[in-house]
All heavy atoms as atom14 arrays in JSON, in Angstrom:
{
  "sequence": "VDLTPIEMASAYGVFATNGFKSEPTFIARVTSNSGRVILDNNPDPQLV",
  "atom14_mask": [
    [1, 1, 1, 1, 1, 1, 1, 0, 0, 0, 0, 0, 0, 0],
    [1, 1, 1, 1, 1, 1, 1, 1, 0, 0, 0, 0, 0, 0],
    [1, 1, 1, 1, 1, 1, 1, 1, 0, 0, 0, 0, 0, 0],
    [1, 1, 1, 1, 1, 1, 1, 0, 0, 0, 0, 0, 0, 0],
    [1, 1, 1, 1, 1, 1, 1, 0, 0, 0, 0, 0, 0, 0],
    [1, 1, 1, 1, 1, 1, 1, 1, 0, 0, 0, 0, 0, 0],
    [1, 1, 1, 1, 1, 1, 1, 1, 1, 0, 0, 0, 0, 0],
    [1, 1, 1, 1, 1, 1, 1, 1, 0, 0, 0, 0, 0, 0],
    [1, 1, 1, 1, 1, 0, 0, 0, 0, 0, 0, 0, 0, 0],
    [1, 1, 1, 1, 1, 1, 0, 0, 0, 0, 0, 0, 0, 0],
    [1, 1, 1, 1, 1, 0, 0, 0, 0, 0, 0, 0, 0, 0],
    [1, 1, 1, 1, 1, 1, 1, 1, 1, 1, 1, 1, 0, 0],
    [1, 1, 1, 1, 0, 0, 0, 0, 0, 0, 0, 0, 0, 0],
    [1, 1, 1, 1, 1, 1, 1, 0, 0, 0, 0, 0, 0, 0],
    [1, 1, 1, 1, 1, 1, 1, 1, 1, 1, 1, 0, 0, 0],
    [1, 1, 1, 1, 1, 0, 0, 0, 0, 0, 0, 0, 0, 0],
    [1, 1, 1, 1, 1, 1, 1, 0, 0, 0, 0, 0, 0, 0],
    [1, 1, 1, 1, 1, 1, 1, 1, 0, 0, 0, 0, 0, 0],
    [1, 1, 1, 1, 0, 0, 0, 0, 0, 0, 0, 0, 0, 0],
    [1, 1, 1, 1, 1, 1, 1, 1, 1, 1, 1, 0, 0, 0],
    [1, 1, 1, 1, 1, 1, 1, 1, 1, 0, 0, 0, 0, 0],
    [1, 1, 1, 1, 1, 1, 0, 0, 0, 0, 0, 0, 0, 0],
    [1, 1, 1, 1, 1, 1, 1, 1, 1, 0, 0, 0, 0, 0],
    [1, 1, 1, 1, 1, 1, 1, 0, 0, 0, 0, 0, 0, 0],
    [1, 1, 1, 1, 1, 1, 1, 0, 0, 0, 0, 0, 0, 0],
    [1, 1, 1, 1, 1, 1, 1, 1, 1, 1, 1, 0, 0, 0],
    [1, 1, 1, 1, 1, 1, 1, 1, 0, 0, 0, 0, 0, 0],
    [1, 1, 1, 1, 1, 0, 0, 0, 0, 0, 0, 0, 0, 0],
    [1, 1, 1, 1, 1, 1, 1, 1, 1, 1, 1, 0, 0, 0],
    [1, 1, 1, 1, 1, 1, 1, 0, 0, 0, 0, 0, 0, 0],
    [1, 1, 1, 1, 1, 1, 1, 0, 0, 0, 0, 0, 0, 0],
    [1, 1, 1, 1, 1, 1, 0, 0, 0, 0, 0, 0, 0, 0],
    [1, 1, 1, 1, 1, 1, 1, 1, 0, 0, 0, 0, 0, 0],
    [1, 1, 1, 1, 1, 1, 0, 0, 0, 0, 0, 0, 0, 0],
    [1, 1, 1, 1, 0, 0, 0, 0, 0, 0, 0, 0, 0, 0],
    [1, 1, 1, 1, 1, 1, 1, 1, 1, 1, 1, 0, 0, 0],
    [1, 1, 1, 1, 1, 1, 1, 0, 0, 0, 0, 0, 0, 0],
    [1, 1, 1, 1, 1, 1, 1, 1, 0, 0, 0, 0, 0, 0],
    [1, 1, 1, 1, 1, 1, 1, 1, 0, 0, 0, 0, 0, 0],
    [1, 1, 1, 1, 1, 1, 1, 1, 0, 0, 0, 0, 0, 0],
    [1, 1, 1, 1, 1, 1, 1, 1, 0, 0, 0, 0, 0, 0],
    [1, 1, 1, 1, 1, 1, 1, 1, 0, 0, 0, 0, 0, 0],
    [1, 1, 1, 1, 1, 1, 1, 0, 0, 0, 0, 0, 0, 0],
    [1, 1, 1, 1, 1, 1, 1, 1, 0, 0, 0, 0, 0, 0],
    [1, 1, 1, 1, 1, 1, 1, 0, 0, 0, 0, 0, 0, 0],
    [1, 1, 1, 1, 1, 1, 1, 1, 1, 0, 0, 0, 0, 0],
    [1, 1, 1, 1, 1, 1, 1, 1, 0, 0, 0, 0, 0, 0],
    [1, 1, 1, 1, 1, 1, 1, 0, 0, 0, 0, 0, 0, 0]
  ],
  "atom14_positions": [
    [[119.02, 98.8, 94.62], [118.43, 99.83, 93.77], [117.67, 100.78, 94.69], [117.23, 100.38, 95.78], [117.48, 99.21, 92.72], [116.34, 98.46, 93.41], [116.94, 100.25, 91.77], [0.0, 0.0, 0.0], [0.0, 0.0, 0.0], [0.0, 0.0, 0.0], [0.0, 0.0, 0.0], [0.0, 0.0, 0.0], [0.0, 0.0, 0.0], [0.0, 0.0, 0.0]],
    [[117.54, 102.02, 94.3], [116.83, 103.0, 95.12], [115.43, 103.24, 94.53], [115.3, 103.68, 93.37], [117.59, 104.33, 95.16], [118.93, 104.19, 95.88], [119.01, 103.36, 96.79], [119.87, 104.92, 95.52], [0.0, 0.0, 0.0], [0.0, 0.0, 0.0], [0.0, 0.0, 0.0], [0.0, 0.0, 0.0], [0.0, 0.0, 0.0], [0.0, 0.0, 0.0]],
    [[114.39, 102.98, 95.35], [113.01, 103.12, 94.9], [112.2, 103.94, 95.91], [112.55, 104.01, 97.08], [112.36, 101.74, 94.74], [113.06, 100.74, 93.82], [112.33, 99.41, 93.81], [113.15, 101.3, 92.4], [0.0, 0.0, 0.0], [0.0, 0.0, 0.0], [0.0, 0.0, 0.0], [0.0, 0.0, 0.0], [0.0, 0.0, 0.0], [0.0, 0.0, 0.0]],
    [[111.09, 104.51, 95.46], [110.22, 105.28, 96.35], [109.1, 104.38, 96.89], [108.72, 103.39, 96.25], [109.59, 106.47, 95.61], [108.75, 105.97, 94.56], [110.65, 107.38, 95.03], [0.0, 0.0, 0.0], [0.0, 0.0, 0.0], [0.0, 0.0, 0.0], [0.0, 0.0, 0.0], [0.0, 0.0, 0.0], [0.0, 0.0, 0.0], [0.0, 0.0, 0.0]],
    [[108.55, 104.71, 98.04], [107.43, 103.92, 98.58], [106.24, 103.83, 97.62], [105.61, 102.78, 97.53], [107.07, 104.68, 99.87], [108.38, 105.25, 100.33], [109.06, 105.66, 99.06], [0.0, 0.0, 0.0], [0.0, 0.0, 0.0], [0.0, 0.0, 0.0], [0.0, 0.0, 0.0], [0.0, 0.0, 0.0], [0.0, 0.0, 0.0], [0.0, 0.0, 0.0]],
    [[105.93, 104.92, 96.89], [104.78, 104.83, 95.99], [105.07, 103.91, 94.81], [104.17, 103.24, 94.3], [104.32, 106.23, 95.5], [102.91, 106.11, 94.91], [105.31, 106.83, 94.53], [102.23, 107.43, 94.66], [0.0, 0.0, 0.0], [0.0, 0.0, 0.0], [0.0, 0.0, 0.0], [0.0, 0.0, 0.0], [0.0, 0.0, 0.0], [0.0, 0.0, 0.0]],
    [[106.34, 103.84, 94.38], [106.69, 102.88, 93.33], [106.49, 101.45, 93.83], [105.96, 100.59, 93.09], [108.15, 103.07, 92.91], [108.4, 104.24, 91.99], [109.85, 104.35, 91.56], [110.73, 104.44, 92.45], [110.12, 104.34, 90.35], [0.0, 0.0, 0.0], [0.0, 0.0, 0.0], [0.0, 0.0, 0.0], [0.0, 0.0, 0.0], [0.0, 0.0, 0.0]],
    [[106.87, 101.2, 95.06], [106.72, 99.85, 95.62], [105.25, 99.49, 95.78], [104.82, 98.37, 95.41], [107.44, 99.77, 96.97], [108.94, 99.89, 96.89], [109.7, 98.49, 96.02], [109.48, 97.17, 97.22], [0.0, 0.0, 0.0], [0.0, 0.0, 0.0], [0.0, 0.0, 0.0], [0.0, 0.0, 0.0], [0.0, 0.0, 0.0], [0.0, 0.0, 0.0]],
    [[104.46, 100.41, 96.3], [103.04, 100.13, 96.5], [102.34, 99.88, 95.17], [101.55, 98.95, 95.03], [102.37, 101.29, 97.24], [0.0, 0.0, 0.0], [0.0, 0.0, 0.0], [0.0, 0.0, 0.0], [0.0, 0.0, 0.0], [0.0, 0.0, 0.0], [0.0, 0.0, 0.0], [0.0, 0.0, 0.0], [0.0, 0.0, 0.0], [0.0, 0.0, 0.0]],
    [[102.63, 100.71, 94.18], [101.99, 100.56, 92.87], [102.38, 99.25, 92.19], [101.54, 98.57, 91.59], [102.35, 101.75, 91.98], [101.73, 101.64, 90.72], [0.0, 0.0, 0.0], [0.0, 0.0, 0.0], [0.0, 0.0, 0.0], [0.0, 0.0, 0.0], [0.0, 0.0, 0.0], [0.0, 0.0, 0.0], [0.0, 0.0, 0.0], [0.0, 0.0, 0.0]],
    [[103.67, 98.89, 92.3], [104.14, 97.64, 91.68], [103.49, 96.43, 92.34], [103.03, 95.5, 91.65], [105.66, 97.56, 91.78], [0.0, 0.0, 0.0], [0.0, 0.0, 0.0], [0.0, 0.0, 0.0], [0.0, 0.0, 0.0], [0.0, 0.0, 0.0], [0.0, 0.0, 0.0], [0.0, 0.0, 0.0], [0.0, 0.0, 0.0], [0.0, 0.0, 0.0]],
    [[103.42, 96.41, 93.65], [102.77, 95.29, 94.34], [101.28, 95.24, 94.0], [100.66, 94.17, 94.0], [102.94, 95.44, 95.85], [104.2, 94.82, 96.42], [105.46, 95.2, 95.97], [104.14, 93.86, 97.42], [106.62, 94.65, 96.5], [105.29, 93.3, 97.97], [106.54, 93.7, 97.5], [107.68, 93.15, 98.03], [0.0, 0.0, 0.0], [0.0, 0.0, 0.0]],
    [[100.68, 96.41, 93.72], [99.28, 96.45, 93.36], [98.98, 95.69, 92.09], [97.87, 95.15, 91.92], [0.0, 0.0, 0.0], [0.0, 0.0, 0.0], [0.0, 0.0, 0.0], [0.0, 0.0, 0.0], [0.0, 0.0, 0.0], [0.0, 0.0, 0.0], [0.0, 0.0, 0.0], [0.0, 0.0, 0.0], [0.0, 0.0, 0.0], [0.0, 0.0, 0.0]],
    [[99.95, 95.61, 91.18], [99.75, 94.84, 89.94], [99.67, 93.34, 90.26], [98.9, 92.6, 89.64], [100.88, 95.12, 88.93], [100.59, 94.42, 87.6], [101.03, 96.63, 88.7], [0.0, 0.0, 0.0], [0.0, 0.0, 0.0], [0.0, 0.0, 0.0], [0.0, 0.0, 0.0], [0.0, 0.0, 0.0], [0.0, 0.0, 0.0], [0.0, 0.0, 0.0]],
    [[100.41, 92.9, 91.25], [100.3, 91.5, 91.68], [98.91, 91.25, 92.28], [98.29, 90.21, 92.04], [101.37, 91.17, 92.73], [102.78, 91.3, 92.24], [103.77, 91.8, 93.08], [103.13, 90.92, 90.96], [105.08, 91.92, 92.65], [104.44, 91.04, 90.51], [105.42, 91.54, 91.36], [0.0, 0.0, 0.0], [0.0, 0.0, 0.0], [0.0, 0.0, 0.0]],
    [[98.41, 92.21, 93.07], [97.13, 92.04, 93.76], [95.97, 91.84, 92.79], [94.97, 91.2, 93.13], [96.85, 93.25, 94.66], [0.0, 0.0, 0.0], [0.0, 0.0, 0.0], [0.0, 0.0, 0.0], [0.0, 0.0, 0.0], [0.0, 0.0, 0.0], [0.0, 0.0, 0.0], [0.0, 0.0, 0.0], [0.0, 0.0, 0.0], [0.0, 0.0, 0.0]],
    [[96.1, 92.36, 91.57], [95.02, 92.26, 90.58], [95.3, 91.18, 89.55], [94.68, 91.16, 88.48], [94.84, 93.6, 89.86], [96.09, 93.99, 89.26], [94.37, 94.69, 90.82], [0.0, 0.0, 0.0], [0.0, 0.0, 0.0], [0.0, 0.0, 0.0], [0.0, 0.0, 0.0], [0.0, 0.0, 0.0], [0.0, 0.0, 0.0], [0.0, 0.0, 0.0]],
    [[96.24, 90.3, 89.86], [96.62, 89.23, 88.92], [97.11, 89.77, 87.59], [96.86, 89.19, 86.53], [95.47, 88.25, 88.7], [95.11, 87.48, 89.95], [95.99, 86.99, 90.67], [93.83, 87.39, 90.25], [0.0, 0.0, 0.0], [0.0, 0.0, 0.0], [0.0, 0.0, 0.0], [0.0, 0.0, 0.0], [0.0, 0.0, 0.0], [0.0, 0.0, 0.0]],
    [[97.81, 90.89, 87.64], [98.49, 91.37, 86.45], [97.93, 92.61, 85.81], [98.47, 93.08, 84.8], [0.0, 0.0, 0.0], [0.0, 0.0, 0.0], [0.0, 0.0, 0.0], [0.0, 0.0, 0.0], [0.0, 0.0, 0.0], [0.0, 0.0, 0.0], [0.0, 0.0, 0.0], [0.0, 0.0, 0.0], [0.0, 0.0, 0.0], [0.0, 0.0, 0.0]],
    [[96.84, 93.18, 86.36], [96.27, 94.4, 85.78], [96.91, 95.63, 86.43], [96.92, 95.76, 87.65], [94.76, 94.44, 85.96], [94.03, 93.56, 84.98], [93.72, 92.25, 85.3], [93.66, 94.05, 83.73], [93.06, 91.42, 84.4], [92.99, 93.24, 82.82], [92.69, 91.93, 83.15], [0.0, 0.0, 0.0], [0.0, 0.0, 0.0], [0.0, 0.0, 0.0]],
    [[97.38, 96.54, 85.58], [98.1, 97.71, 86.06], [97.27, 98.97, 85.85], [96.73, 99.21, 84.76], [99.43, 97.85, 85.32], [100.22, 99.1, 85.66], [101.44, 99.21, 84.74], [102.14, 100.54, 84.92], [103.23, 100.71, 83.93], [0.0, 0.0, 0.0], [0.0, 0.0, 0.0], [0.0, 0.0, 0.0], [0.0, 0.0, 0.0], [0.0, 0.0, 0.0]],
    [[97.18, 99.8, 86.89], [96.57, 101.13, 86.82], [97.59, 102.13, 87.34], [98.18, 101.91, 88.4], [95.29, 101.2, 87.65], [94.3, 100.32, 87.15], [0.0, 0.0, 0.0], [0.0, 0.0, 0.0], [0.0, 0.0, 0.0], [0.0, 0.0, 0.0], [0.0, 0.0, 0.0], [0.0, 0.0, 0.0], [0.0, 0.0, 0.0], [0.0, 0.0, 0.0]],
    [[97.79, 103.21, 86.61], [98.76, 104.22, 87.05], [98.29, 104.87, 88.34], [97.12, 105.23, 88.48], [98.94, 105.29, 85.97], [99.57, 104.79, 84.68], [101.0, 104.33, 84.88], [101.68, 104.81, 85.82], [101.44, 103.46, 84.1], [0.0, 0.0, 0.0], [0.0, 0.0, 0.0], [0.0, 0.0, 0.0], [0.0, 0.0, 0.0], [0.0, 0.0, 0.0]],
    [[99.18, 105.05, 89.3], [98.77, 105.7, 90.56], [98.42, 107.16, 90.31], [99.07, 107.86, 89.54], [100.02, 105.57, 91.44], [101.16, 105.4, 90.49], [100.61, 104.66, 89.31], [0.0, 0.0, 0.0], [0.0, 0.0, 0.0], [0.0, 0.0, 0.0], [0.0, 0.0, 0.0], [0.0, 0.0, 0.0], [0.0, 0.0, 0.0], [0.0, 0.0, 0.0]],
    [[97.38, 107.63, 90.96], [96.94, 109.02, 90.8], [96.25, 109.49, 92.07], [95.71, 108.7, 92.84], [95.98, 109.15, 89.61], [95.57, 110.52, 89.48], [94.73, 108.29, 89.8], [0.0, 0.0, 0.0], [0.0, 0.0, 0.0], [0.0, 0.0, 0.0], [0.0, 0.0, 0.0], [0.0, 0.0, 0.0], [0.0, 0.0, 0.0], [0.0, 0.0, 0.0]],
    [[96.29, 110.81, 92.28], [95.58, 111.44, 93.39], [94.3, 112.11, 92.94], [93.57, 112.65, 93.75], [96.48, 112.5, 94.05], [97.62, 111.93, 94.85], [98.83, 111.62, 94.25], [97.48, 111.69, 96.21], [99.89, 111.1, 94.98], [98.53, 111.17, 96.95], [99.74, 110.86, 96.33], [0.0, 0.0, 0.0], [0.0, 0.0, 0.0], [0.0, 0.0, 0.0]],
    [[94.02, 112.11, 91.64], [92.9, 112.88, 91.1], [91.89, 111.96, 90.44], [92.23, 111.19, 89.53], [93.4, 113.92, 90.09], [94.36, 114.89, 90.78], [92.23, 114.69, 89.47], [95.05, 115.84, 89.83], [0.0, 0.0, 0.0], [0.0, 0.0, 0.0], [0.0, 0.0, 0.0], [0.0, 0.0, 0.0], [0.0, 0.0, 0.0], [0.0, 0.0, 0.0]],
    [[90.63, 112.07, 90.89], [89.56, 111.28, 90.29], [88.8, 112.07, 89.22], [88.46, 111.52, 88.16], [88.58, 110.81, 91.37], [0.0, 0.0, 0.0], [0.0, 0.0, 0.0], [0.0, 0.0, 0.0], [0.0, 0.0, 0.0], [0.0, 0.0, 0.0], [0.0, 0.0, 0.0], [0.0, 0.0, 0.0], [0.0, 0.0, 0.0], [0.0, 0.0, 0.0]],
    [[88.57, 113.36, 89.48], [87.74, 114.14, 88.57], [88.01, 115.62, 88.76], [88.23, 116.08, 89.88], [86.26, 113.83, 88.85], [85.25, 114.46, 87.9], [83.85, 114.02, 88.36], [82.77, 114.66, 87.63], [82.2, 114.18, 86.54], [82.62, 113.01, 86.05], [81.22, 114.8, 85.94], [0.0, 0.0, 0.0], [0.0, 0.0, 0.0], [0.0, 0.0, 0.0]],
    [[88.0, 116.38, 87.67], [88.19, 117.82, 87.72], [87.09, 118.47, 86.88], [86.86, 118.08, 85.73], [89.56, 118.25, 87.18], [89.71, 119.77, 87.22], [90.69, 117.59, 87.97], [0.0, 0.0, 0.0], [0.0, 0.0, 0.0], [0.0, 0.0, 0.0], [0.0, 0.0, 0.0], [0.0, 0.0, 0.0], [0.0, 0.0, 0.0], [0.0, 0.0, 0.0]],
    [[86.41, 119.46, 87.47], [85.39, 120.21, 86.74], [85.68, 121.69, 86.86], [86.43, 122.12, 87.74], [83.97, 119.92, 87.26], [83.9, 120.32, 88.64], [83.63, 118.45, 87.14], [0.0, 0.0, 0.0], [0.0, 0.0, 0.0], [0.0, 0.0, 0.0], [0.0, 0.0, 0.0], [0.0, 0.0, 0.0], [0.0, 0.0, 0.0], [0.0, 0.0, 0.0]],
    [[85.09, 122.47, 85.97], [85.18, 123.92, 86.06], [84.2, 124.42, 87.11], [83.39, 123.65, 87.64], [84.87, 124.56, 84.71], [83.49, 124.37, 84.39], [0.0, 0.0, 0.0], [0.0, 0.0, 0.0], [0.0, 0.0, 0.0], [0.0, 0.0, 0.0], [0.0, 0.0, 0.0], [0.0, 0.0, 0.0], [0.0, 0.0, 0.0], [0.0, 0.0, 0.0]],
    [[84.23, 125.72, 87.39], [83.3, 126.26, 88.38], [81.85, 126.19, 87.92], [80.93, 126.27, 88.73], [83.67, 127.71, 88.73], [83.69, 128.61, 87.51], [83.48, 128.17, 86.38], [83.94, 129.88, 87.73], [0.0, 0.0, 0.0], [0.0, 0.0, 0.0], [0.0, 0.0, 0.0], [0.0, 0.0, 0.0], [0.0, 0.0, 0.0], [0.0, 0.0, 0.0]],
    [[81.64, 126.01, 86.61], [80.28, 125.88, 86.08], [79.83, 124.43, 85.96], [78.72, 124.17, 85.52], [80.19, 126.57, 84.72], [81.04, 125.93, 83.78], [0.0, 0.0, 0.0], [0.0, 0.0, 0.0], [0.0, 0.0, 0.0], [0.0, 0.0, 0.0], [0.0, 0.0, 0.0], [0.0, 0.0, 0.0], [0.0, 0.0, 0.0], [0.0, 0.0, 0.0]],
    [[80.71, 123.5, 86.35], [80.34, 122.08, 86.31], [80.8, 121.35, 85.07], [80.55, 120.15, 84.93], [0.0, 0.0, 0.0], [0.0, 0.0, 0.0], [0.0, 0.0, 0.0], [0.0, 0.0, 0.0], [0.0, 0.0, 0.0], [0.0, 0.0, 0.0], [0.0, 0.0, 0.0], [0.0, 0.0, 0.0], [0.0, 0.0, 0.0], [0.0, 0.0, 0.0]],
    [[81.49, 122.02, 84.15], [81.98, 121.35, 82.94], [83.11, 120.4, 83.31], [84.04, 120.77, 84.0], [82.47, 122.38, 81.92], [83.02, 121.78, 80.64], [83.38, 122.88, 79.64], [84.39, 123.77, 80.18], [85.7, 123.56, 80.06], [86.16, 122.46, 79.47], [86.56, 124.44, 80.56], [0.0, 0.0, 0.0], [0.0, 0.0, 0.0], [0.0, 0.0, 0.0]],
    [[83.01, 119.15, 82.84], [84.02, 118.15, 83.17], [85.29, 118.41, 82.37], [85.26, 118.45, 81.13], [83.5, 116.72, 82.89], [84.6, 115.71, 83.17], [82.28, 116.43, 83.75], [0.0, 0.0, 0.0], [0.0, 0.0, 0.0], [0.0, 0.0, 0.0], [0.0, 0.0, 0.0], [0.0, 0.0, 0.0], [0.0, 0.0, 0.0], [0.0, 0.0, 0.0]],
    [[86.39, 118.61, 83.07], [87.68, 118.85, 82.44], [88.5, 117.56, 82.4], [89.2, 117.28, 81.43], [88.45, 119.95, 83.19], [87.66, 121.26, 83.15], [89.84, 120.15, 82.62], [88.25, 122.35, 84.01], [0.0, 0.0, 0.0], [0.0, 0.0, 0.0], [0.0, 0.0, 0.0], [0.0, 0.0, 0.0], [0.0, 0.0, 0.0], [0.0, 0.0, 0.0]],
    [[88.4, 116.77, 83.45], [89.13, 115.5, 83.52], [88.28, 114.5, 84.28], [87.82, 114.78, 85.38], [90.47, 115.69, 84.25], [91.27, 114.41, 84.55], [91.74, 113.75, 83.26], [92.45, 114.7, 85.46], [0.0, 0.0, 0.0], [0.0, 0.0, 0.0], [0.0, 0.0, 0.0], [0.0, 0.0, 0.0], [0.0, 0.0, 0.0], [0.0, 0.0, 0.0]],
    [[88.08, 113.35, 83.67], [87.39, 112.25, 84.34], [88.32, 111.06, 84.32], [88.5, 110.4, 83.31], [86.08, 111.92, 83.61], [85.12, 111.13, 84.5], [85.57, 110.66, 85.56], [83.95, 110.98, 84.13], [0.0, 0.0, 0.0], [0.0, 0.0, 0.0], [0.0, 0.0, 0.0], [0.0, 0.0, 0.0], [0.0, 0.0, 0.0], [0.0, 0.0, 0.0]],
    [[88.96, 110.83, 85.46], [90.02, 109.82, 85.55], [89.43, 108.43, 85.75], [89.73, 107.75, 86.74], [90.96, 110.16, 86.7], [92.41, 110.23, 86.25], [92.74, 109.85, 85.14], [93.26, 110.73, 87.12], [0.0, 0.0, 0.0], [0.0, 0.0, 0.0], [0.0, 0.0, 0.0], [0.0, 0.0, 0.0], [0.0, 0.0, 0.0], [0.0, 0.0, 0.0]],
    [[88.61, 108.0, 84.82], [88.04, 106.67, 84.94], [89.14, 105.63, 84.86], [90.0, 105.69, 83.96], [87.02, 106.42, 83.81], [85.72, 107.16, 84.05], [85.26, 107.27, 85.19], [85.14, 107.7, 82.98], [0.0, 0.0, 0.0], [0.0, 0.0, 0.0], [0.0, 0.0, 0.0], [0.0, 0.0, 0.0], [0.0, 0.0, 0.0], [0.0, 0.0, 0.0]],
    [[89.17, 104.66, 85.76], [90.22, 103.64, 85.73], [90.2, 102.87, 84.41], [89.14, 102.55, 83.88], [89.85, 102.72, 86.91], [89.01, 103.57, 87.81], [88.26, 104.5, 86.9], [0.0, 0.0, 0.0], [0.0, 0.0, 0.0], [0.0, 0.0, 0.0], [0.0, 0.0, 0.0], [0.0, 0.0, 0.0], [0.0, 0.0, 0.0], [0.0, 0.0, 0.0]],
    [[91.39, 102.62, 83.9], [91.53, 101.85, 82.66], [92.66, 100.85, 82.83], [93.73, 100.98, 82.21], [91.8, 102.8, 81.49], [91.85, 102.06, 80.16], [91.21, 101.0, 80.04], [92.53, 102.56, 79.24], [0.0, 0.0, 0.0], [0.0, 0.0, 0.0], [0.0, 0.0, 0.0], [0.0, 0.0, 0.0], [0.0, 0.0, 0.0], [0.0, 0.0, 0.0]],
    [[92.47, 99.86, 83.7], [93.56, 98.9, 83.97], [93.93, 98.1, 82.73], [93.06, 97.69, 81.95], [92.98, 98.0, 85.07], [91.5, 98.16, 84.97], [91.24, 99.54, 84.45], [0.0, 0.0, 0.0], [0.0, 0.0, 0.0], [0.0, 0.0, 0.0], [0.0, 0.0, 0.0], [0.0, 0.0, 0.0], [0.0, 0.0, 0.0], [0.0, 0.0, 0.0]],
    [[95.23, 97.87, 82.57], [95.76, 97.12, 81.44], [96.44, 95.85, 81.95], [97.19, 95.9, 82.92], [96.77, 97.96, 80.66], [96.21, 99.29, 80.14], [95.18, 99.08, 79.05], [95.36, 98.28, 78.14], [94.07, 99.82, 79.14], [0.0, 0.0, 0.0], [0.0, 0.0, 0.0], [0.0, 0.0, 0.0], [0.0, 0.0, 0.0], [0.0, 0.0, 0.0]],
    [[96.17, 94.74, 81.3], [96.81, 93.49, 81.68], [98.26, 93.5, 81.2], [98.52, 93.52, 80.0], [96.07, 92.3, 81.08], [96.6, 90.91, 81.48], [96.47, 90.69, 82.99], [95.87, 89.81, 80.72], [0.0, 0.0, 0.0], [0.0, 0.0, 0.0], [0.0, 0.0, 0.0], [0.0, 0.0, 0.0], [0.0, 0.0, 0.0], [0.0, 0.0, 0.0]],
    [[99.21, 93.49, 82.13], [100.62, 93.59, 81.77], [101.43, 92.39, 82.25], [102.59, 92.23, 81.87], [101.23, 94.89, 82.33], [100.57, 96.12, 81.72], [101.16, 94.94, 83.85], [0.0, 0.0, 0.0], [0.0, 0.0, 0.0], [0.0, 0.0, 0.0], [0.0, 0.0, 0.0], [0.0, 0.0, 0.0], [0.0, 0.0, 0.0], [0.0, 0.0, 0.0]]
  ]
}
């Protein structure tokens, strides 16, 4: 099967947490120029 390195790293990461999955992301937080929070990527791992 053909897979990407980030798919492999993310999948193995679920094993590392004993089954909790968090979607891979490059963004932790986004605010406007005035400081208003637009996105707060708080981790929400799910047991899968």
